[in-house]
Structure formats: C-alpha cells, structure tokens
Protein backbone atom coordinates (compact mmCIF):
# COMPACT_ATOMS: atom_id res chain seq x y z
CA UNK A 1 -71.81 64.82 167.94
CA UNK A 2 -68.71 65.28 170.00
CA UNK A 3 -68.08 64.22 173.47
CA UNK A 4 -68.72 67.80 174.69
CA UNK A 5 -71.67 68.50 172.75
CA UNK A 6 -74.94 68.84 174.84
CA UNK A 7 -77.40 66.04 173.92
CA UNK A 8 -80.15 68.85 173.39
CA UNK A 9 -78.07 70.45 170.63
CA UNK A 10 -80.08 70.63 167.60
CA UNK A 11 -83.49 69.94 169.37
CA UNK A 12 -86.19 72.26 168.61
CA UNK A 13 -87.60 74.58 171.47
CA UNK A 14 -90.64 72.38 172.19
CA UNK A 15 -88.26 69.33 172.77
CA UNK A 16 -86.56 71.17 175.29
CA UNK A 17 -89.44 71.99 177.45
CA UNK A 18 -90.62 70.33 180.80
CA UNK A 19 -94.01 69.50 181.87
CA UNK A 20 -95.03 72.72 183.42
CA UNK A 21 -93.79 74.71 180.40
CA UNK A 22 -95.56 72.48 177.93
CA UNK A 23 -98.84 72.43 179.84
CA UNK A 24 -98.67 76.34 180.13
CA UNK A 25 -98.42 76.55 176.40
CA UNK A 26 -101.30 74.07 175.82
CA UNK A 27 -103.44 76.21 178.47
CA UNK A 28 -102.69 79.41 176.67
CA UNK A 29 -103.17 78.21 173.17
CA UNK A 30 -99.47 79.01 172.23
CA UNK A 31 -99.13 75.53 170.95
CA UNK A 32 -100.79 72.18 171.21
CA UNK A 33 -100.22 68.68 172.37
CA UNK A 34 -100.10 67.65 168.46
CA UNK A 35 -97.21 69.99 167.87
CA UNK A 36 -95.45 68.67 170.82
CA UNK A 37 -95.93 65.18 169.73
CA UNK A 38 -94.79 65.84 166.15
CA UNK A 39 -91.61 67.60 167.65
CA UNK A 40 -90.95 64.59 170.04
CA UNK A 41 -91.55 61.83 167.34
CA UNK A 42 -89.45 63.73 164.78
CA UNK A 43 -86.54 64.14 167.59
CA UNK A 44 -86.90 60.47 168.26
CA UNK A 45 -86.20 59.69 164.51
CA UNK A 46 -83.53 62.28 164.34
CA UNK A 47 -81.48 60.88 167.34
CA UNK A 48 -82.10 56.99 166.68
CA UNK A 49 -79.67 56.21 164.03
CA UNK A 50 -76.71 57.68 166.06
CA UNK A 51 -77.78 56.47 169.49
CA UNK A 52 -80.36 53.54 169.24
CA UNK A 53 -82.78 54.68 171.96
CA UNK A 54 -85.87 53.18 170.51
CA UNK A 55 -87.03 49.87 169.33
CA UNK A 56 -90.16 51.30 168.24
CA UNK A 57 -91.64 54.73 167.25
CA UNK A 58 -95.34 54.87 167.30
CA UNK A 59 -96.50 57.73 165.11
CA UNK A 60 -100.13 57.08 164.42
CA UNK A 61 -101.27 56.26 167.97
CA UNK A 62 -99.20 59.03 169.30
CA UNK A 63 -100.70 61.71 167.16
CA UNK A 64 -104.33 60.32 167.94
CA UNK A 65 -103.66 60.52 171.56
CA UNK A 66 -102.16 63.93 171.14
CA UNK A 67 -105.19 65.27 169.07
CA UNK A 68 -107.54 64.03 172.00
CA UNK A 69 -105.47 65.86 174.31
CA UNK A 70 -105.51 68.92 172.25
CA UNK A 71 -109.40 68.81 172.39
CA UNK A 72 -109.27 68.54 176.13
CA UNK A 73 -106.97 71.51 176.59
CA UNK A 74 -109.08 73.44 174.10
CA UNK A 75 -112.22 72.83 176.21
CA UNK A 76 -110.14 73.80 179.40
CA UNK A 77 -110.72 70.11 180.70
CA UNK A 78 -107.17 68.46 180.76
CA UNK A 79 -107.27 64.98 182.60
CA UNK A 80 -104.22 65.85 184.63
CA UNK A 81 -100.99 68.02 185.04
CA UNK A 82 -99.38 65.77 182.47
CA UNK A 83 -102.17 65.61 179.90
CA UNK A 84 -100.67 65.75 176.30
CA UNK A 85 -96.89 65.30 177.46
CA UNK A 86 -94.75 63.01 175.32
CA UNK A 87 -93.77 59.94 177.06
CA UNK A 88 -91.89 56.67 176.31
CA UNK A 89 -92.07 53.22 177.86
CA UNK A 90 -89.11 50.85 178.29
CA UNK A 91 -89.34 47.60 176.28
CA UNK A 92 -90.00 45.41 179.38
CA UNK A 93 -93.28 47.13 180.25
CA UNK A 94 -96.51 46.25 178.64
CA UNK A 95 -98.44 48.47 176.37
CA UNK A 96 -101.62 47.27 174.78
CA UNK A 97 -101.65 47.04 171.15
CA UNK A 98 -97.70 47.02 170.93
CA UNK A 99 -95.30 44.07 171.36
CA UNK A 100 -93.28 43.52 174.52
CA UNK A 101 -89.96 42.10 173.26
CA UNK A 102 -87.86 42.53 176.37
CA UNK A 103 -84.97 43.06 174.02
CA UNK A 104 -84.88 39.45 173.10
CA UNK A 105 -85.15 37.38 169.71
CA UNK A 106 -87.06 34.69 171.76
CA UNK A 107 -90.13 36.51 172.75
CA UNK A 108 -93.50 36.90 170.79
CA UNK A 109 -93.74 39.92 168.56
CA UNK A 110 -97.62 39.84 168.82
CA UNK A 111 -99.13 42.81 170.33
CA UNK A 112 -100.07 42.80 173.90
CA UNK A 113 -103.48 42.69 174.86
CA UNK A 114 -103.40 44.88 178.17
CA UNK A 115 -101.45 47.79 179.70
CA UNK A 116 -99.20 47.42 182.63
CA UNK A 117 -100.73 49.24 185.50
CA UNK A 118 -98.24 52.10 185.25
CA UNK A 119 -99.04 52.49 181.49
CA UNK A 120 -102.55 52.36 182.14
CA UNK A 121 -102.26 55.21 184.64
CA UNK A 122 -100.20 57.41 182.63
CA UNK A 123 -102.65 56.80 179.69
CA UNK A 124 -105.67 57.86 182.03
CA UNK A 125 -103.72 61.02 182.72
CA UNK A 126 -103.34 61.94 179.15
CA UNK A 127 -99.74 61.12 178.54
CA UNK A 128 -98.93 60.71 174.87
CA UNK A 129 -96.96 57.50 174.48
CA UNK A 130 -94.42 58.14 171.47
CA UNK A 131 -92.53 54.83 171.42
CA UNK A 132 -90.67 52.01 173.14
CA UNK A 133 -87.09 52.30 174.38
CA UNK A 134 -84.23 49.75 174.19
CA UNK A 135 -83.08 47.46 176.83
CA UNK A 136 -80.48 44.51 177.17
CA UNK A 137 -82.17 41.24 176.95
CA UNK A 138 -84.53 40.87 179.82
CA UNK A 139 -82.99 44.01 181.53
CA UNK A 140 -80.21 41.72 182.96
CA UNK A 141 -77.27 44.08 183.14
CA UNK A 142 -76.38 47.71 183.71
CA UNK A 143 -75.51 48.70 180.21
CA UNK A 144 -77.69 48.59 176.97
CA UNK A 145 -76.80 46.28 174.33
CA UNK A 146 -78.23 42.94 173.13
CA UNK A 147 -78.99 40.65 170.43
CA UNK A 148 -82.21 42.06 169.34
CA UNK A 149 -81.70 45.87 169.16
CA UNK A 150 -77.73 46.07 169.20
CA UNK A 151 -75.76 48.65 171.01
CA UNK A 152 -77.36 51.90 172.63
CA UNK A 153 -74.84 54.67 172.88
CA UNK A 154 -74.43 57.73 175.02
CA UNK A 155 -75.32 61.15 173.59
CA UNK A 156 -72.62 62.79 175.61
CA UNK A 157 -70.00 60.49 174.19
CA UNK A 158 -71.17 58.16 171.51
CA UNK A 159 -68.29 55.59 171.90
CA UNK A 160 -69.59 55.07 175.66
CA UNK A 161 -72.45 53.34 176.96
CA UNK A 162 -75.47 55.17 178.48
CA UNK A 163 -75.79 52.42 181.33
CA UNK A 164 -78.63 50.29 181.69
CA UNK A 165 -80.83 48.60 181.72
CA UNK A 166 -82.97 51.63 181.05
CA UNK A 167 -80.48 52.96 178.79
CA UNK A 168 -82.68 53.91 175.87
CA UNK A 169 -84.99 55.67 178.17
CA UNK A 170 -82.11 57.71 179.57
CA UNK A 171 -80.99 58.54 175.92
CA UNK A 172 -84.45 59.70 174.97
CA UNK A 173 -84.64 61.79 178.00
CA UNK A 174 -81.49 63.33 177.62
CA UNK A 175 -81.85 64.23 173.93
CA UNK A 176 -85.44 65.55 174.32
CA UNK A 177 -87.08 62.82 172.34
CA UNK A 178 -90.07 62.85 175.01
CA UNK A 179 -90.27 64.25 178.37
CA UNK A 180 -91.33 61.49 180.63
CA UNK A 181 -89.87 58.00 180.56
CA UNK A 182 -90.80 54.88 182.17
CA UNK A 183 -87.78 52.91 183.42
CA UNK A 184 -87.32 49.52 185.57
CA UNK A 185 -84.68 49.07 188.41
CA UNK A 186 -83.74 45.74 189.60
CA UNK A 187 -79.97 46.54 190.55
CA UNK A 188 -79.65 50.11 189.47
CA UNK A 189 -81.17 50.12 185.90
CA UNK A 190 -82.91 53.58 186.43
CA UNK A 191 -80.08 55.18 188.54
CA UNK A 192 -77.10 54.01 186.58
CA UNK A 193 -78.28 55.39 183.24
CA UNK A 194 -79.51 58.55 184.93
CA UNK A 195 -75.92 59.11 186.44
CA UNK A 196 -74.28 58.20 183.01
CA UNK A 197 -76.35 60.52 180.78
CA UNK A 198 -76.90 63.50 183.14
CA UNK A 199 -80.57 63.23 183.90
CA UNK A 200 -82.84 62.59 186.94
CA UNK A 201 -84.00 58.92 187.69
CA UNK A 202 -85.95 57.73 190.88
CA UNK A 203 -86.23 54.22 192.03
CA UNK A 204 -89.27 54.63 194.14
CA UNK A 205 -89.95 52.68 197.38
CA UNK A 206 -90.82 49.09 196.23
CA UNK A 207 -94.70 48.71 195.58
CA UNK A 208 -95.17 52.57 195.11
CA UNK A 209 -95.70 51.58 191.45
CA UNK A 210 -97.39 48.54 190.84
CA UNK A 211 -96.04 45.87 188.54
CA UNK A 212 -97.69 43.37 186.30
CA UNK A 213 -96.92 40.91 185.17
CA UNK A 214 -94.64 40.30 187.92
CA UNK A 215 -90.87 40.32 187.28
CA UNK A 216 -88.88 37.16 187.16
CA UNK A 217 -86.44 38.94 189.28
CA UNK A 218 -88.76 39.37 192.16
CA UNK A 219 -88.90 41.99 194.72
CA UNK A 220 -85.69 43.70 193.77
CA UNK A 221 -87.35 45.05 190.62
CA UNK A 222 -89.03 48.24 190.71
CA UNK A 223 -90.55 50.64 188.30
CA UNK A 224 -90.06 54.38 188.26
CA UNK A 225 -89.62 57.76 186.33
CA UNK A 226 -86.83 59.18 184.28
CA UNK A 227 -86.80 62.81 183.25
CA UNK A 228 -84.62 65.91 182.72
CA UNK A 229 -85.73 67.67 185.68
CA UNK A 230 -87.06 66.63 189.38
CA UNK A 231 -90.30 68.43 188.86
CA UNK A 232 -91.02 66.31 185.75
CA UNK A 233 -90.03 63.08 187.65
CA UNK A 234 -92.17 64.09 190.48
CA UNK A 235 -95.04 64.80 188.26
CA UNK A 236 -94.76 61.54 186.38
CA UNK A 237 -94.51 59.52 189.79
CA UNK A 238 -97.82 61.01 190.77
CA UNK A 239 -99.49 59.82 187.75
CA UNK A 240 -97.88 56.28 187.81
CA UNK A 241 -98.13 55.43 191.53
CA UNK A 242 -101.16 53.56 192.95
CA UNK A 243 -102.50 50.41 194.07
CA UNK A 244 -103.41 47.62 191.66
CA UNK A 245 -104.84 44.42 192.62
CA UNK A 246 -102.96 42.44 190.10
CA UNK A 247 -99.73 43.11 192.06
CA UNK A 248 -99.99 41.28 195.39
CA UNK A 249 -96.43 42.35 196.23
CA UNK A 250 -97.47 46.02 196.62
CA UNK A 251 -98.65 45.62 200.11
CA UNK A 252 -101.33 48.31 201.53
CA UNK A 253 -100.74 51.85 202.46
CA UNK A 254 -100.77 55.51 201.18
CA UNK A 255 -99.78 55.69 197.49
CA UNK A 256 -101.28 58.89 196.59
CA UNK A 257 -99.60 62.03 195.24
CA UNK A 258 -96.56 63.72 197.20
CA UNK A 259 -96.23 67.35 197.40
CA UNK A 260 -92.72 68.52 197.30
CA UNK A 261 -91.39 70.46 200.25
CA UNK A 262 -89.32 73.50 200.28
CA UNK A 263 -85.81 73.36 202.06
CA UNK A 264 -86.12 69.90 203.44
CA UNK A 265 -82.23 69.60 203.58
CA UNK A 266 -82.14 72.45 206.13
CA UNK A 267 -81.22 70.67 209.40
CA UNK A 268 -81.35 67.27 207.84
CA UNK A 269 -78.88 64.87 209.22
CA UNK A 270 -77.20 63.08 206.19
CA UNK A 271 -75.01 59.95 205.88
CA UNK A 272 -72.23 60.06 203.31
CA UNK A 273 -71.89 56.61 202.00
CA UNK A 274 -68.61 56.75 200.16
CA UNK A 275 -67.41 53.25 199.71
CA UNK A 276 -69.32 50.55 197.82
CA UNK A 277 -69.47 46.77 199.08
CA UNK A 278 -67.21 45.83 195.93
CA UNK A 279 -65.17 47.48 193.24
CA UNK A 280 -63.47 51.07 193.22
CA UNK A 281 -64.56 54.49 193.03
CA UNK A 282 -63.01 56.54 190.17
CA UNK A 283 -61.07 59.65 191.27
CA UNK A 284 -62.99 62.11 189.13
CA UNK A 285 -66.49 60.53 190.43
CA UNK A 286 -65.07 60.87 194.11
CA UNK A 287 -64.01 64.50 193.45
CA UNK A 288 -67.32 65.72 192.06
CA UNK A 289 -69.40 63.99 194.48
CA UNK A 290 -67.39 65.21 197.49
CA UNK A 291 -67.73 68.69 196.32
CA UNK A 292 -71.49 68.11 195.87
CA UNK A 293 -71.58 66.75 199.49
CA UNK A 294 -69.74 69.62 200.82
CA UNK A 295 -72.31 71.93 199.23
CA UNK A 296 -75.00 70.24 201.27
CA UNK A 297 -73.70 72.26 204.48
CA UNK A 298 -74.64 75.52 202.54
CA UNK A 299 -78.32 74.04 202.44
CA UNK A 300 -78.35 73.58 206.02
CA UNK A 301 -77.60 69.99 206.36
CA UNK A 302 -75.36 68.00 208.72
CA UNK A 303 -73.28 65.48 206.78
CA UNK A 304 -71.35 62.61 208.44
CA UNK A 305 -69.62 59.54 207.29
CA UNK A 306 -71.49 56.34 207.21
CA UNK A 307 -71.18 52.64 206.02
CA UNK A 308 -73.86 50.17 205.20
CA UNK A 309 -74.86 47.71 207.86
CA UNK A 310 -73.04 44.49 207.65
CA UNK A 311 -76.29 42.39 208.45
CA UNK A 312 -76.84 39.96 205.75
CA UNK A 313 -73.26 39.31 205.03
CA UNK A 314 -71.57 39.89 201.71
CA UNK A 315 -73.80 42.20 199.81
CA UNK A 316 -72.44 41.27 196.34
CA UNK A 317 -73.00 37.49 197.06
CA UNK A 318 -76.38 38.17 198.61
CA UNK A 319 -77.67 40.20 195.51
CA UNK A 320 -76.23 37.35 193.10
CA UNK A 321 -78.26 34.90 194.82
CA UNK A 322 -81.37 36.84 194.08
CA UNK A 323 -80.45 38.16 190.53
CA UNK A 324 -78.81 34.95 189.19
CA UNK A 325 -81.74 32.85 190.32
CA UNK A 326 -84.05 35.36 188.70
CA UNK A 327 -82.24 34.93 185.44
CA UNK A 328 -82.36 31.18 185.72
CA UNK A 329 -86.22 31.43 186.30
CA UNK A 330 -86.57 33.80 183.14
CA UNK A 331 -84.50 31.82 181.10
CA UNK A 332 -86.67 28.81 181.89
CA UNK A 333 -89.48 30.58 180.15
CA UNK A 334 -87.39 30.27 177.04
CA UNK A 335 -87.91 27.23 174.78
CA UNK A 336 -84.70 25.24 175.11
CA UNK A 337 -84.24 25.13 171.32
CA UNK A 338 -84.13 28.89 171.40
CA UNK A 339 -81.33 29.17 174.10
CA UNK A 340 -78.69 29.78 171.44
CA UNK A 341 -80.37 33.03 170.50
CA UNK A 342 -80.00 34.48 173.96
CA UNK A 343 -77.21 36.79 175.17
CA UNK A 344 -74.38 34.61 176.28
CA UNK A 345 -73.84 36.84 179.48
CA UNK A 346 -77.50 36.16 180.33
CA UNK A 347 -76.92 32.43 179.86
CA UNK A 348 -74.00 32.38 182.05
CA UNK A 349 -75.59 33.92 185.09
CA UNK A 350 -78.81 31.96 184.45
CA UNK A 351 -76.52 28.77 184.80
CA UNK A 352 -75.03 30.16 187.90
CA UNK A 353 -78.53 30.81 189.41
CA UNK A 354 -79.75 27.31 188.37
CA UNK A 355 -76.66 25.87 190.34
CA UNK A 356 -77.74 27.58 193.66
CA UNK A 357 -79.39 25.08 196.00
CA UNK A 358 -82.80 26.06 197.24
CA UNK A 359 -81.75 26.04 200.67
CA UNK A 360 -78.96 28.59 199.77
CA UNK A 361 -81.73 30.92 198.16
CA UNK A 362 -83.92 30.61 201.37
CA UNK A 363 -80.83 31.43 203.34
CA UNK A 364 -80.19 34.45 201.16
CA UNK A 365 -83.79 35.73 201.68
CA UNK A 366 -83.42 35.56 205.50
CA UNK A 367 -80.04 37.30 205.12
CA UNK A 368 -81.87 39.87 202.85
CA UNK A 369 -84.34 40.60 205.66
CA UNK A 370 -81.63 41.19 208.11
CA UNK A 371 -80.18 43.69 205.82
CA UNK A 372 -83.48 45.44 205.10
CA UNK A 373 -84.35 45.73 208.52
CA UNK A 374 -80.81 47.24 209.33
CA UNK A 375 -81.29 49.64 206.63
CA UNK A 376 -84.52 50.66 208.05
CA UNK A 377 -83.12 51.31 211.30
CA UNK A 378 -80.24 53.41 209.67
CA UNK A 379 -82.82 55.57 207.78
CA UNK A 380 -84.60 56.07 211.14
CA UNK A 381 -81.47 57.57 212.38
CA UNK A 382 -80.52 59.65 209.11
CA UNK A 383 -82.79 61.62 206.95
CA UNK A 384 -81.00 60.65 203.80
CA UNK A 385 -78.03 58.99 202.63
CA UNK A 386 -75.95 60.36 199.76
CA UNK A 387 -73.32 58.62 197.65
CA UNK A 388 -71.98 58.59 194.13
CA UNK A 389 -74.70 57.44 191.49
CA UNK A 390 -72.13 55.22 190.22
CA UNK A 391 -68.62 54.58 191.27
CA UNK A 392 -67.31 55.07 187.76
CA UNK A 393 -68.49 57.13 184.73
CA UNK A 394 -69.55 55.95 181.56
CA UNK A 395 -67.18 53.41 179.69
CA UNK A 396 -67.08 51.84 176.34
CA UNK A 397 -70.22 50.88 174.67
CA UNK A 398 -70.86 47.16 174.00
CA UNK A 399 -68.94 46.10 177.14
CA UNK A 400 -70.36 44.78 180.37
CA UNK A 401 -67.36 46.12 182.42
CA UNK A 402 -64.80 48.69 181.84
CA UNK A 403 -62.00 47.29 179.38
CA UNK A 404 -59.02 46.50 181.35
CA UNK A 405 -60.49 46.98 184.69
CA UNK A 406 -60.12 43.39 185.94
CA UNK A 407 -64.00 43.25 186.70
CA UNK A 408 -66.02 40.43 185.39
CA UNK A 409 -69.73 41.33 185.99
CA UNK A 410 -71.63 44.63 185.85
CA UNK A 411 -72.60 44.14 189.55
CA UNK A 412 -69.04 44.73 190.55
CA UNK A 413 -69.07 48.37 189.38
CA UNK A 414 -72.69 48.94 190.46
CA UNK A 415 -72.19 48.80 194.23
CA UNK A 416 -73.87 52.03 195.07
CA UNK A 417 -77.00 50.67 193.26
CA UNK A 418 -77.93 47.11 194.09
CA UNK A 419 -77.89 47.26 197.93
CA UNK A 420 -80.96 49.66 197.80
CA UNK A 421 -82.91 47.16 195.63
CA UNK A 422 -82.10 44.51 198.26
CA UNK A 423 -83.48 47.00 200.97
CA UNK A 424 -86.20 48.66 198.75
CA UNK A 425 -85.77 52.27 199.96
CA UNK A 426 -86.55 55.11 197.48
CA UNK A 427 -83.28 56.36 195.75
CA UNK A 428 -82.76 59.15 193.11
CA UNK A 429 -79.87 60.20 191.17
CA UNK A 430 -79.45 63.73 190.13
CA UNK A 431 -76.47 65.28 187.90
CA UNK A 432 -73.69 66.89 189.90
CA UNK A 433 -70.80 67.42 187.36
CA UNK A 434 -68.90 65.98 184.74
CA UNK A 435 -65.51 64.33 184.11
CA UNK A 436 -62.72 66.23 182.34
CA UNK A 437 -63.68 64.90 179.08
CA UNK A 438 -67.46 65.72 179.58
CA UNK A 439 -68.95 62.51 180.81
CA UNK A 440 -71.65 63.05 183.36
CA UNK A 441 -71.49 62.24 187.06
CA UNK A 442 -74.46 61.74 189.37
CA UNK A 443 -75.27 62.02 193.11
CA UNK A 444 -77.59 59.60 194.67
CA UNK A 445 -80.06 60.31 197.53
CA UNK A 446 -81.50 57.45 199.56
CA UNK A 447 -84.49 57.99 201.79
CA UNK A 448 -86.52 55.87 204.39
CA UNK A 449 -89.11 53.46 202.79
CA UNK A 450 -92.13 55.48 201.95
CA UNK A 451 -90.23 58.83 201.90
CA UNK A 452 -90.25 59.03 198.01
CA UNK A 453 -91.57 62.84 198.28
CA UNK A 454 -88.69 63.89 200.73
CA UNK A 455 -86.01 62.12 198.51
CA UNK A 456 -87.58 64.24 195.42
CA UNK A 457 -87.65 67.43 197.51
CA UNK A 458 -84.14 66.94 198.47
CA UNK A 459 -82.76 66.19 194.87
CA UNK A 460 -84.74 69.28 193.81
CA UNK A 461 -82.90 71.49 196.45
CA UNK A 462 -79.60 70.06 195.04
CA UNK A 463 -80.75 70.53 191.37
CA UNK A 464 -81.41 74.19 192.26
CA UNK A 465 -78.16 74.65 194.12
CA UNK A 466 -76.16 73.22 191.23
CA UNK A 467 -77.83 74.63 187.91
CA UNK A 468 -74.70 74.58 186.04
CA UNK A 469 -73.85 71.02 186.75
CA UNK A 470 -74.46 69.87 183.20
CA UNK A 471 -75.44 73.34 181.37
C-alpha cells in the first residue's frame, strides 16, 4: 500500500458501509449481520500484518453475537439502530471474557469478569464486538507503539504513525475493519489519531460516557466514539452514553440520546483558535485548516480570531502536573520487579510525576479549575471554537516526536488537544484535507460542556460541505 492509496482499497463492499446502510440491508434481508461480521473479521485479519491495529481478533464470540443479531433482524425486533454492527474496543477498556492488557507486558492476561459500562451498553444495543485494538502502554502517549504489541502504522502512509493512544482503533476505522470503535482520550488520544488517519473522533463532555474502572489519569480521561462518518459516531455515542453508578465522577444530568440538528452553523459565532500553547503549526496544516475555516462563512457562520484564556497559567505545565502524577500512580500498581518491562518513556514521566510535591499538585488542581471556568465563559460567548485537529501531520512511526523537531515529549506537539481535556468540553475532529504527499489533516470543533449534539451537528455540516476532503 503506497502513501497515496486509500485505506479502504481492497475492502469488500460490506466493509465500506456505515451504520444506516448496514441496518437497512439487515432490515431488507439483502445481507445479514453474520455476513457483515465475517467481512469485518476478514478485513481485520487482512490489514493487521501491515498496520498492527489489533491485539486480539475474537472470531467465535463475534460470530455468535452476529448470529443472535441476525435472528432479531429476521423477526423484525432489532435492539437498537446499531444492532449487528461490527465494533472494536481499545485494549484499555474492559470486555467480559477477554483480557485487558493495557498494552503492557506487566498486566494480567486473565479474562476480565465484567464489562466496562460503555461495552455493556454497546452489547445491550446489539453491537458485535470483533476484537481489541492496540494502544501504547497504559495509553500514555499520542502515538501507538509499545513493548507488548510493537508499532502500529498509518494506513495512509505505513512509515508514519497513526497517532495515539487510540491508534489501533483509528486504523481499524480507516481500513474498514469494523464500523464503530471505542477510543479513550486523556490528552488527545481520540482526536490525534482521528486527525492523522482521516476519520471522525469525538471526545465527549466529561462524564457523558461512564468510566469503570476509574483511570489512573483521573478526570482528564474521557471515553468516546471513533468512526468513518459523523452519523456513525453519533449513533455510537447514543448507545454508549448514560449514567452508571460505578462512576462517581460522572455527576448528574441528562445523558440521553441527542438528535443532530440541521444547519447549526448558520448564524453561529465561531472563534478560530490558531495558536497552540506550545509547539508550532505545520504550514500545510495551517493552510488546510484556514481554507476550511474560510468555508464556514459559506455555511452562515461568523468567524473571528480567539486565544485560549490565560487563567491557570502555563497550560503545558498544568497538564504535565496532572498527566505525570497519573503516570506515577499507574506505575505504582506495577510490581517493582517488573518495572524493567515497562516502556522507558512511561517510566520517565512517572518518575517526573513522583517528584511533584503534593502541594504543587493541589495548586495545579486549583489552577485547572480557574482555566476550566474561563473556558466555560468563553464557550458561553462563542457557539464553537475551531482549530487544527493537530498542529502537525503524521510523522515517523515508532517515534514520540517528529525526528529533528527539537521536541522532547508528545505533549509539545499536541497543544490543540490536551487543553480541552483539562476543561472537559466536547471536542470532535473531522477530516479537512491532506498534505501534498497524502497525509490526512483534521479540523477540530469544540463546544460548551454538554453541547455534544451541537458539536456533532456542526462537524456533520462541515463533513457535508467538504465531501472530497479524503476521497
């Protein structure tokens, strides 16, 4: 596969279909969930040697679930709009009967005894789980490689990274190895790989999708949908979202399904956030995103420049206080005699986190609250913020930062991502173009907390306006 070959090249017709097309076929009897599952499983096996998207492909249980879905469709009694749709789960999220290795050689390979809330909800909706997707160890960085599963590669450019930490999910989505894909996002881990691989990814408002067990990285960590289209991501979020009493951090409130609205960008006031708090913006990314932003006016939006609030101080330092101490907490769960098996980069940030005084961490939590409140005020004035999905396009696989960039940690090039984890607003990435050599570029849309439906509606308008972005 060359850098300019579409990731769906070679996929059969069933692997190219989205939720509504598949379920229409199920309803009409044109094909069945079993046929769709067989196609998705075969596609997963086909693409995995080249791209390393899966750490487990679950043929038997997937086909059993698909057979049950087929019988429901035969009776005209589907469980939901996603009944029988092939789905993957990131190897950080628990699935009953399967191991959760977190991309680590130090974790227990025994099957889990229970489902995470989002998995349970997807199963209850009839989703057919075909396998577990790759992640860097404990999801610690925004690229996908690690000691357990090796290097995951970008299907648009196999020498490049797909981003991370939900890189396996992004590759599976882009190549047609499943339709719906669970990702997690603690600093950009859904949005970065969505941007690098030309798919749609949403980090929902914190708490819309319940988390259990709790992440060691605390309340910067979100769970959300990844898919090839906004409609599919929206259908997946509707199935995943909801209250679960095991997740105390969710809070209360309406977490039910959200109808997408037509034309929500007409008359919208949009802030164009063009400068990240750290790092630089690649010229090709800047040009593609500015062209997309210019097109928002044609959709009826009013766009003006905006900068992030300065409340809370240095945002990179603020995020590092939360992320590095989370890494220290996670490493503390690993027996000391196994630390040598852990990714050296993860050990480095865990050591940095362990050296942060508790008073400094508490101060960082206060600073985060100030920044979050300022972001809430900003999103009360603006309907949306838009920005690059990532400041740079995909770079060499197996590297944490672009070689020769002078950067030292992934956070330095993910400055359009991690601030929105600190403030917990919904943020979605949609494709908006490609570099001259074919690497995808994404556009990020951010909304106020709770406005997930409006964010999805906005990126659907953008998706419709740019149908050739990744054709």
